């Protein structure tokens, strides 16, 4: 059987479901090779500030190999995944094509070189875009020259969103080599009835000590400076008094800023009587009730590498309104959607204005469903399978 050989750094909770979906449609077509299984066995996540292991079945439902070609702490630096054993896997499986999911580690470059040595077509699906970081004109030029050269070695590109597509086009990738394989995540709400959603929403608010009638503004992710979560407290000063009297804040996650956020929460309680709930780190399969408790989710990231922001997808699946800063990558795809808004990075006043508008709308669990049809695992799997057929992997 002909295979597509996928090389990934480690099992990632938002990529594994793609391989599982492809396997359902075309059994035995994809084989994934991981440099490390650290996300399965557990590792210290610097951003969350604790050891984590995802509770999804990360290695079930598709074929995989784990090389464990680690040097030191996996994922900690460029050399932490070495690429030892990559060539042997290629020789054993003899793939019709190789798909890389990033260019972040020595491992990825070993894959690139070994595939070129064997004349195996190279495909790429990664998050890279040009707006995620501020760069000097000199650094931007050098980066552009390097990417333009590297991309000449790839035969197909799968873009995750509009900024990713724009990046490839800006670096001389022919439009004919581009195919959509848009960013998606498991929809944990699709199988829930309206009554089940309402029940989970009510129970989650009750558990969090939040009144049923309150308007709940949430944050989900790593509590680190890049994410800028403390702007939710700065926002409170710009809200109309009538809204401030019925607002609650809801934080999912952990990280180095948690102590500061808890201190700000105490101030918000003392000054305005605003209740803030901290759930702590929540694993993947337990997220749904927390999102359902919210009316709006805020992702206020700074220009420090927020290439997409998958929490926006998850929140919209739950029916939340979503507000993101102008430095969040998914803004280019979603900014014209009905209950999605973009605010100036760091502007608590603009954020407050957005939240005020959101608060005037009736809650709708299903508002984003139709728009999100292209941003589903099934849609991404179909795009990959279309290219498998073109490449002769399947008929």
Protein backbone atom coordinates (compact mmCIF):
# COMPACT_ATOMS: atom_id res chain seq x y z
CA UNK A 1 0.00 0.00 0.00
CA UNK A 2 1.18 3.52 -0.80
CA UNK A 3 1.51 5.83 2.18
CA UNK A 4 1.70 9.46 3.03
CA UNK A 5 4.33 9.68 5.75
CA UNK A 6 3.63 12.51 8.19
CA UNK A 7 6.45 13.76 10.41
CA UNK A 8 5.45 15.65 13.55
CA UNK A 9 7.38 16.71 16.65
CA UNK A 10 4.93 15.08 19.10
CA UNK A 11 1.24 14.14 19.31
CA UNK A 12 -0.59 17.49 19.25
CA UNK A 13 -4.19 17.66 20.45
CA UNK A 14 -5.38 19.65 17.43
CA UNK A 15 -3.50 17.63 14.77
CA UNK A 16 -4.10 14.05 15.96
CA UNK A 17 -7.86 14.24 15.14
CA UNK A 18 -6.95 15.02 11.52
CA UNK A 19 -5.05 11.75 11.14
CA UNK A 20 -7.88 9.91 12.89
CA UNK A 21 -10.41 11.45 10.48
CA UNK A 22 -8.27 10.55 7.44
CA UNK A 23 -7.91 6.98 8.71
CA UNK A 24 -11.69 6.63 8.91
CA UNK A 25 -12.09 7.77 5.31
CA UNK A 26 -9.11 5.86 3.84
CA UNK A 27 -7.74 3.19 6.20
CA UNK A 28 -3.99 2.62 6.11
CA UNK A 29 -3.13 5.62 3.94
CA UNK A 30 -1.42 7.78 6.56
CA UNK A 31 1.42 6.85 8.89
CA UNK A 32 2.59 9.46 11.41
CA UNK A 33 6.14 9.53 12.75
CA UNK A 34 6.68 11.39 16.04
CA UNK A 35 10.03 12.54 17.31
CA UNK A 36 8.72 12.36 20.89
CA UNK A 37 5.68 11.15 22.82
CA UNK A 38 6.16 13.71 25.61
CA UNK A 39 2.58 14.98 25.32
CA UNK A 40 1.29 11.46 26.01
CA UNK A 41 3.58 10.44 28.84
CA UNK A 42 3.48 13.94 30.37
CA UNK A 43 5.93 16.83 30.37
CA UNK A 44 6.45 20.19 32.04
CA UNK A 45 4.72 22.87 30.00
CA UNK A 46 6.46 26.19 30.62
CA UNK A 47 3.44 28.25 29.55
CA UNK A 48 0.97 26.47 31.82
CA UNK A 49 3.61 26.31 34.57
CA UNK A 50 2.93 22.67 35.38
CA UNK A 51 3.32 19.11 34.13
CA UNK A 52 0.57 18.10 31.74
CA UNK A 53 -0.48 15.16 29.61
CA UNK A 54 -3.51 15.37 27.34
CA UNK A 55 -6.34 12.99 28.21
CA UNK A 56 -7.38 12.43 24.58
CA UNK A 57 -6.50 9.02 23.02
CA UNK A 58 -3.59 10.60 21.16
CA UNK A 59 -2.15 7.43 19.64
CA UNK A 60 -5.39 5.59 18.85
CA UNK A 61 -7.25 5.37 15.56
CA UNK A 62 -4.33 5.69 13.14
CA UNK A 63 -0.89 4.21 12.46
CA UNK A 64 2.15 5.80 14.09
CA UNK A 65 5.81 5.37 15.04
CA UNK A 66 7.57 7.09 17.94
CA UNK A 67 11.29 7.62 17.45
CA UNK A 68 11.98 9.28 20.83
CA UNK A 69 14.96 10.99 19.22
CA UNK A 70 15.25 13.43 22.10
CA UNK A 71 18.26 15.34 23.36
CA UNK A 72 17.71 16.91 26.76
CA UNK A 73 14.24 18.27 27.46
CA UNK A 74 11.99 17.67 24.42
CA UNK A 75 10.53 20.77 22.71
CA UNK A 76 12.82 23.06 24.75
CA UNK A 77 15.06 24.18 21.87
CA UNK A 78 15.96 23.58 18.23
CA UNK A 79 18.31 20.67 18.99
CA UNK A 80 16.00 18.94 21.49
CA UNK A 81 14.58 16.69 18.72
CA UNK A 82 17.45 15.26 16.72
CA UNK A 83 15.93 13.32 13.83
CA UNK A 84 17.78 10.08 14.55
CA UNK A 85 16.01 7.22 12.77
CA UNK A 86 14.16 9.34 10.19
CA UNK A 87 15.97 7.88 7.19
CA UNK A 88 15.36 4.31 8.33
CA UNK A 89 11.62 4.92 8.58
CA UNK A 90 11.53 6.35 5.06
CA UNK A 91 13.43 3.35 3.70
CA UNK A 92 11.11 0.91 5.46
CA UNK A 93 7.78 2.49 4.47
CA UNK A 94 8.83 3.97 1.09
CA UNK A 95 6.16 6.70 1.09
CA UNK A 96 4.72 8.32 -2.01
CA UNK A 97 5.02 11.68 -0.25
CA UNK A 98 6.20 13.20 3.04
CA UNK A 99 4.20 15.81 4.95
CA UNK A 100 5.95 18.10 7.44
CA UNK A 101 3.93 19.96 10.10
CA UNK A 102 6.60 22.49 11.02
CA UNK A 103 10.17 23.67 10.56
CA UNK A 104 10.93 24.34 14.22
CA UNK A 105 13.40 21.60 15.18
CA UNK A 106 16.52 19.88 13.88
CA UNK A 107 14.21 16.87 13.43
CA UNK A 108 12.21 18.73 10.77
CA UNK A 109 15.32 19.62 8.81
CA UNK A 110 16.57 16.05 8.93
CA UNK A 111 13.21 14.99 7.44
CA UNK A 112 13.58 17.65 4.74
CA UNK A 113 17.11 16.54 3.80
CA UNK A 114 16.39 12.79 3.93
CA UNK A 115 13.30 13.19 1.74
CA UNK A 116 15.22 15.24 -0.83
CA UNK A 117 18.01 12.64 -0.89
CA UNK A 118 15.43 9.97 -1.79
CA UNK A 119 13.50 12.17 -4.26
CA UNK A 120 10.33 11.83 -2.19
CA UNK A 121 7.84 14.67 -2.80
CA UNK A 122 7.58 17.04 0.17
CA UNK A 123 4.36 18.60 1.43
CA UNK A 124 3.98 21.22 4.15
CA UNK A 125 1.21 22.22 6.56
CA UNK A 126 2.35 24.61 9.28
CA UNK A 127 1.27 27.78 11.11
CA UNK A 128 3.79 30.30 9.77
CA UNK A 129 2.59 33.80 8.90
CA UNK A 130 4.23 37.22 8.61
CA UNK A 131 2.29 39.31 11.13
CA UNK A 132 2.82 37.28 14.31
CA UNK A 133 6.01 39.12 15.37
CA UNK A 134 7.39 42.61 14.92
CA UNK A 135 10.61 42.49 12.90
CA UNK A 136 13.03 45.09 11.62
CA UNK A 137 13.16 45.58 7.82
CA UNK A 138 16.58 43.87 7.78
CA UNK A 139 15.35 40.78 9.67
CA UNK A 140 12.24 40.64 7.49
CA UNK A 141 14.38 40.67 4.34
CA UNK A 142 16.73 37.92 5.55
CA UNK A 143 13.75 35.84 6.70
CA UNK A 144 12.04 36.30 3.34
CA UNK A 145 15.10 35.19 1.38
CA UNK A 146 15.48 32.07 3.55
CA UNK A 147 11.83 31.06 3.30
CA UNK A 148 11.71 31.67 -0.46
CA UNK A 149 14.69 29.35 -0.88
CA UNK A 150 13.36 26.64 1.47
CA UNK A 151 9.91 26.58 -0.10
CA UNK A 152 11.38 25.72 -3.49
CA UNK A 153 11.92 22.23 -2.06
CA UNK A 154 8.22 21.61 -1.37
CA UNK A 155 5.72 20.30 -3.89
CA UNK A 156 2.43 21.05 -2.09
CA UNK A 157 1.35 23.44 0.63
CA UNK A 158 -1.72 23.26 2.84
CA UNK A 159 -2.67 26.62 4.33
CA UNK A 160 -4.41 26.81 7.71
CA UNK A 161 -5.94 30.24 7.14
CA UNK A 162 -5.71 33.47 5.18
CA UNK A 163 -2.54 34.88 6.79
CA UNK A 164 -0.79 31.54 6.27
CA UNK A 165 -1.87 31.55 2.61
CA UNK A 166 -0.67 35.13 2.20
CA UNK A 167 2.71 34.16 3.70
CA UNK A 168 3.24 31.44 1.08
CA UNK A 169 2.25 33.73 -1.77
CA UNK A 170 4.57 36.44 -0.44
CA UNK A 171 7.43 33.95 -0.57
CA UNK A 172 7.03 32.98 -4.22
CA UNK A 173 4.93 29.83 -3.77
CA UNK A 174 2.80 29.32 -6.86
CA UNK A 175 -0.94 29.51 -6.19
CA UNK A 176 -1.33 26.17 -8.00
CA UNK A 177 0.64 24.49 -5.18
CA UNK A 178 -1.70 25.80 -2.47
CA UNK A 179 -4.65 23.92 -1.02
CA UNK A 180 -6.80 24.74 2.03
CA UNK A 181 -6.54 22.52 5.09
CA UNK A 182 -7.95 25.04 7.53
CA UNK A 183 -7.36 25.13 11.27
CA UNK A 184 -9.94 23.06 13.10
CA UNK A 185 -10.49 21.43 16.43
CA UNK A 186 -12.78 18.73 17.79
CA UNK A 187 -16.35 19.98 18.07
CA UNK A 188 -17.34 18.96 21.60
CA UNK A 189 -20.75 20.58 21.29
CA UNK A 190 -22.12 19.18 18.03
CA UNK A 191 -23.64 16.08 19.66
CA UNK A 192 -25.29 18.06 22.47
CA UNK A 193 -28.96 18.98 22.27
CA UNK A 194 -30.15 22.47 23.14
CA UNK A 195 -31.48 21.25 26.49
CA UNK A 196 -28.14 19.57 27.29
CA UNK A 197 -26.25 22.76 26.48
CA UNK A 198 -28.59 24.81 28.65
CA UNK A 199 -28.22 22.32 31.51
CA UNK A 200 -24.40 22.30 31.31
CA UNK A 201 -24.38 26.10 31.10
CA UNK A 202 -26.55 26.40 34.19
CA UNK A 203 -24.59 23.80 36.19
CA UNK A 204 -21.22 25.33 35.26
CA UNK A 205 -22.35 28.77 36.36
CA UNK A 206 -23.73 27.35 39.58
CA UNK A 207 -20.44 25.56 40.29
CA UNK A 208 -18.54 28.78 39.59
CA UNK A 209 -20.78 30.85 41.88
CA UNK A 210 -22.09 32.94 38.96
CA UNK A 211 -25.67 34.19 38.75
CA UNK A 212 -27.71 32.81 35.87
CA UNK A 213 -28.57 36.30 34.62
CA UNK A 214 -25.00 37.62 34.60
CA UNK A 215 -23.03 38.30 31.43
CA UNK A 216 -19.89 36.15 31.59
CA UNK A 217 -16.66 37.21 29.87
CA UNK A 218 -14.00 34.51 29.69
CA UNK A 219 -10.38 33.80 28.90
CA UNK A 220 -8.94 30.37 28.04
CA UNK A 221 -5.26 29.51 27.74
CA UNK A 222 -1.84 30.02 29.20
CA UNK A 223 -1.69 32.86 31.70
CA UNK A 224 1.45 34.46 30.30
CA UNK A 225 2.37 38.01 29.15
CA UNK A 226 2.01 37.04 25.48
CA UNK A 227 -1.69 36.33 26.04
CA UNK A 228 -2.27 39.58 28.00
CA UNK A 229 -5.11 38.20 30.17
CA UNK A 230 -5.03 41.02 32.74
CA UNK A 231 -6.65 43.39 30.22
CA UNK A 232 -9.99 41.85 31.24
CA UNK A 233 -9.67 43.66 34.57
CA UNK A 234 -8.56 46.93 32.94
CA UNK A 235 -11.64 46.68 30.71
CA UNK A 236 -13.96 46.89 33.73
CA UNK A 237 -13.26 50.59 34.26
CA UNK A 238 -14.64 51.44 30.81
CA UNK A 239 -17.87 49.44 30.99
CA UNK A 240 -21.21 51.16 31.52
CA UNK A 241 -22.22 50.94 35.18
CA UNK A 242 -25.36 48.98 34.28
CA UNK A 243 -23.28 46.26 32.59
CA UNK A 244 -20.56 46.26 35.23
CA UNK A 245 -23.20 45.45 37.83
CA UNK A 246 -24.11 42.20 36.07
CA UNK A 247 -20.78 41.03 34.68
CA UNK A 248 -18.63 38.09 35.82
CA UNK A 249 -15.19 36.97 34.67
CA UNK A 250 -14.20 33.35 33.98
CA UNK A 251 -10.58 32.19 33.58
CA UNK A 252 -9.61 28.75 32.23
CA UNK A 253 -5.94 27.82 32.45
CA UNK A 254 -2.83 28.43 34.49
CA UNK A 255 0.59 30.06 34.20
CA UNK A 256 3.01 32.58 35.64
CA UNK A 257 0.45 35.41 35.75
CA UNK A 258 -2.13 33.53 37.80
CA UNK A 259 -1.15 35.10 41.11
CA UNK A 260 -1.36 38.58 39.59
CA UNK A 261 -4.76 37.80 38.07
CA UNK A 262 -6.09 36.55 41.39
CA UNK A 263 -4.91 39.78 43.00
CA UNK A 264 -6.72 41.79 40.31
CA UNK A 265 -9.81 39.66 40.89
CA UNK A 266 -9.78 40.58 44.57
CA UNK A 267 -9.58 44.27 43.66
CA UNK A 268 -12.47 43.90 41.22
CA UNK A 269 -14.56 42.30 43.96
CA UNK A 270 -13.72 44.97 46.53
CA UNK A 271 -14.26 47.87 44.14
CA UNK A 272 -17.16 46.72 41.97
CA UNK A 273 -18.48 43.52 43.53
CA UNK A 274 -17.46 41.60 40.40
CA UNK A 275 -17.04 37.86 40.87
CA UNK A 276 -14.16 36.13 39.07
CA UNK A 277 -13.90 32.37 38.72
CA UNK A 278 -10.62 30.48 38.14
CA UNK A 279 -11.05 26.91 36.90
CA UNK A 280 -7.33 26.09 36.79
CA UNK A 281 -5.89 23.98 33.99
CA UNK A 282 -8.66 21.99 32.26
CA UNK A 283 -7.86 19.00 30.07
CA UNK A 284 -9.30 18.65 26.58
CA UNK A 285 -12.24 16.34 27.23
CA UNK A 286 -13.46 18.48 30.15
CA UNK A 287 -13.56 21.85 28.35
CA UNK A 288 -17.13 21.93 27.02
CA UNK A 289 -19.01 22.91 30.21
CA UNK A 290 -16.57 25.76 30.86
CA UNK A 291 -17.06 27.31 27.42
CA UNK A 292 -20.83 26.90 27.72
CA UNK A 293 -20.74 28.94 30.93
CA UNK A 294 -19.44 31.95 28.99
CA UNK A 295 -21.23 34.54 26.89
CA UNK A 296 -18.05 35.95 25.35
CA UNK A 297 -14.44 34.84 25.08
CA UNK A 298 -11.54 37.28 24.84
CA UNK A 299 -8.14 36.47 23.32
CA UNK A 300 -6.16 39.69 23.83
CA UNK A 301 -2.71 38.50 22.71
CA UNK A 302 0.22 40.80 22.05
CA UNK A 303 2.38 40.63 18.90
CA UNK A 304 4.43 37.77 20.29
CA UNK A 305 3.56 34.83 18.05
CA UNK A 306 -0.21 34.21 18.19
CA UNK A 307 -0.28 32.64 14.73
CA UNK A 308 -3.93 31.52 15.01
CA UNK A 309 -5.72 31.16 18.36
CA UNK A 310 -7.70 27.90 18.36
CA UNK A 311 -9.61 28.87 21.51
CA UNK A 312 -11.59 31.18 19.21
CA UNK A 313 -12.77 28.15 17.21
CA UNK A 314 -13.70 26.30 20.41
CA UNK A 315 -15.58 29.25 21.86
CA UNK A 316 -17.59 29.82 18.68
CA UNK A 317 -18.52 26.14 18.60
CA UNK A 318 -20.00 26.71 22.08
CA UNK A 319 -21.95 29.76 20.90
CA UNK A 320 -19.77 32.41 22.54
CA UNK A 321 -19.18 35.82 21.04
CA UNK A 322 -15.44 36.25 20.48
CA UNK A 323 -13.22 39.32 20.76
CA UNK A 324 -9.57 39.09 19.71
CA UNK A 325 -6.75 41.60 19.52
CA UNK A 326 -5.48 42.68 16.11
CA UNK A 327 -2.42 40.44 16.63
CA UNK A 328 -4.37 37.16 16.71
CA UNK A 329 -3.90 35.26 13.45
CA UNK A 330 -7.46 33.98 12.98
CA UNK A 331 -8.78 37.56 12.76
CA UNK A 332 -8.18 37.54 8.99
CA UNK A 333 -10.59 34.61 8.60
CA UNK A 334 -13.28 35.55 11.11
CA UNK A 335 -13.30 39.36 11.46
CA UNK A 336 -16.42 39.88 9.33
CA UNK A 337 -18.49 37.30 11.18
CA UNK A 338 -21.58 38.41 13.04
CA UNK A 339 -20.44 37.99 16.67
CA UNK A 340 -16.68 38.12 16.16
CA UNK A 341 -14.82 41.38 16.76
CA UNK A 342 -11.24 42.65 16.56
CA UNK A 343 -9.95 45.35 18.91
CA UNK A 344 -6.70 47.32 19.03
CA UNK A 345 -4.05 45.40 20.94
CA UNK A 346 -3.78 46.66 24.51
CA UNK A 347 -6.86 48.89 24.29
CA UNK A 348 -9.04 48.12 27.30
CA UNK A 349 -11.41 50.88 26.16
CA UNK A 350 -12.03 49.29 22.74
CA UNK A 351 -12.45 45.91 24.36
CA UNK A 352 -15.04 47.33 26.75
CA UNK A 353 -16.94 48.83 23.82
CA UNK A 354 -16.96 45.44 22.07
CA UNK A 355 -18.14 43.61 25.19
CA UNK A 356 -20.89 46.18 25.66
CA UNK A 357 -22.18 45.50 22.14
CA UNK A 358 -22.00 41.74 22.72
CA UNK A 359 -23.97 42.07 25.96
CA UNK A 360 -26.91 43.57 24.08
CA UNK A 361 -27.42 40.43 21.98
CA UNK A 362 -29.42 37.38 23.00
CA UNK A 363 -27.27 34.31 23.59
CA UNK A 364 -27.29 31.93 20.60
CA UNK A 365 -25.52 28.56 20.89
CA UNK A 366 -25.60 28.01 17.11
CA UNK A 367 -24.72 31.40 15.63
CA UNK A 368 -21.34 30.29 14.18
CA UNK A 369 -22.18 26.75 13.05
CA UNK A 370 -22.80 27.51 9.39
CA UNK A 371 -19.70 29.68 9.06
CA UNK A 372 -17.50 27.06 10.71
CA UNK A 373 -18.27 24.31 8.18
CA UNK A 374 -14.97 24.97 6.37
CA UNK A 375 -13.10 24.93 9.69
CA UNK A 376 -13.90 21.37 10.67
CA UNK A 377 -11.75 18.27 10.96
CA UNK A 378 -13.86 16.61 8.28
CA UNK A 379 -13.22 19.47 5.84
CA UNK A 380 -9.47 19.36 6.50
CA UNK A 381 -9.40 15.57 6.06
CA UNK A 382 -11.28 15.86 2.75
CA UNK A 383 -8.77 18.42 1.47
CA UNK A 384 -5.87 16.12 2.30
CA UNK A 385 -7.62 13.13 0.73
CA UNK A 386 -8.24 15.13 -2.46
CA UNK A 387 -4.49 15.68 -2.72
CA UNK A 388 -3.78 12.02 -1.95
CA UNK A 389 -5.91 11.13 -4.98
CA UNK A 390 -4.09 13.64 -7.16
CA UNK A 391 -0.76 12.22 -6.02
CA UNK A 392 -1.92 8.67 -6.72
CA UNK A 393 -1.92 7.59 -3.09
CA UNK A 394 -5.55 6.47 -3.38
CA UNK A 395 -8.03 6.16 -6.20
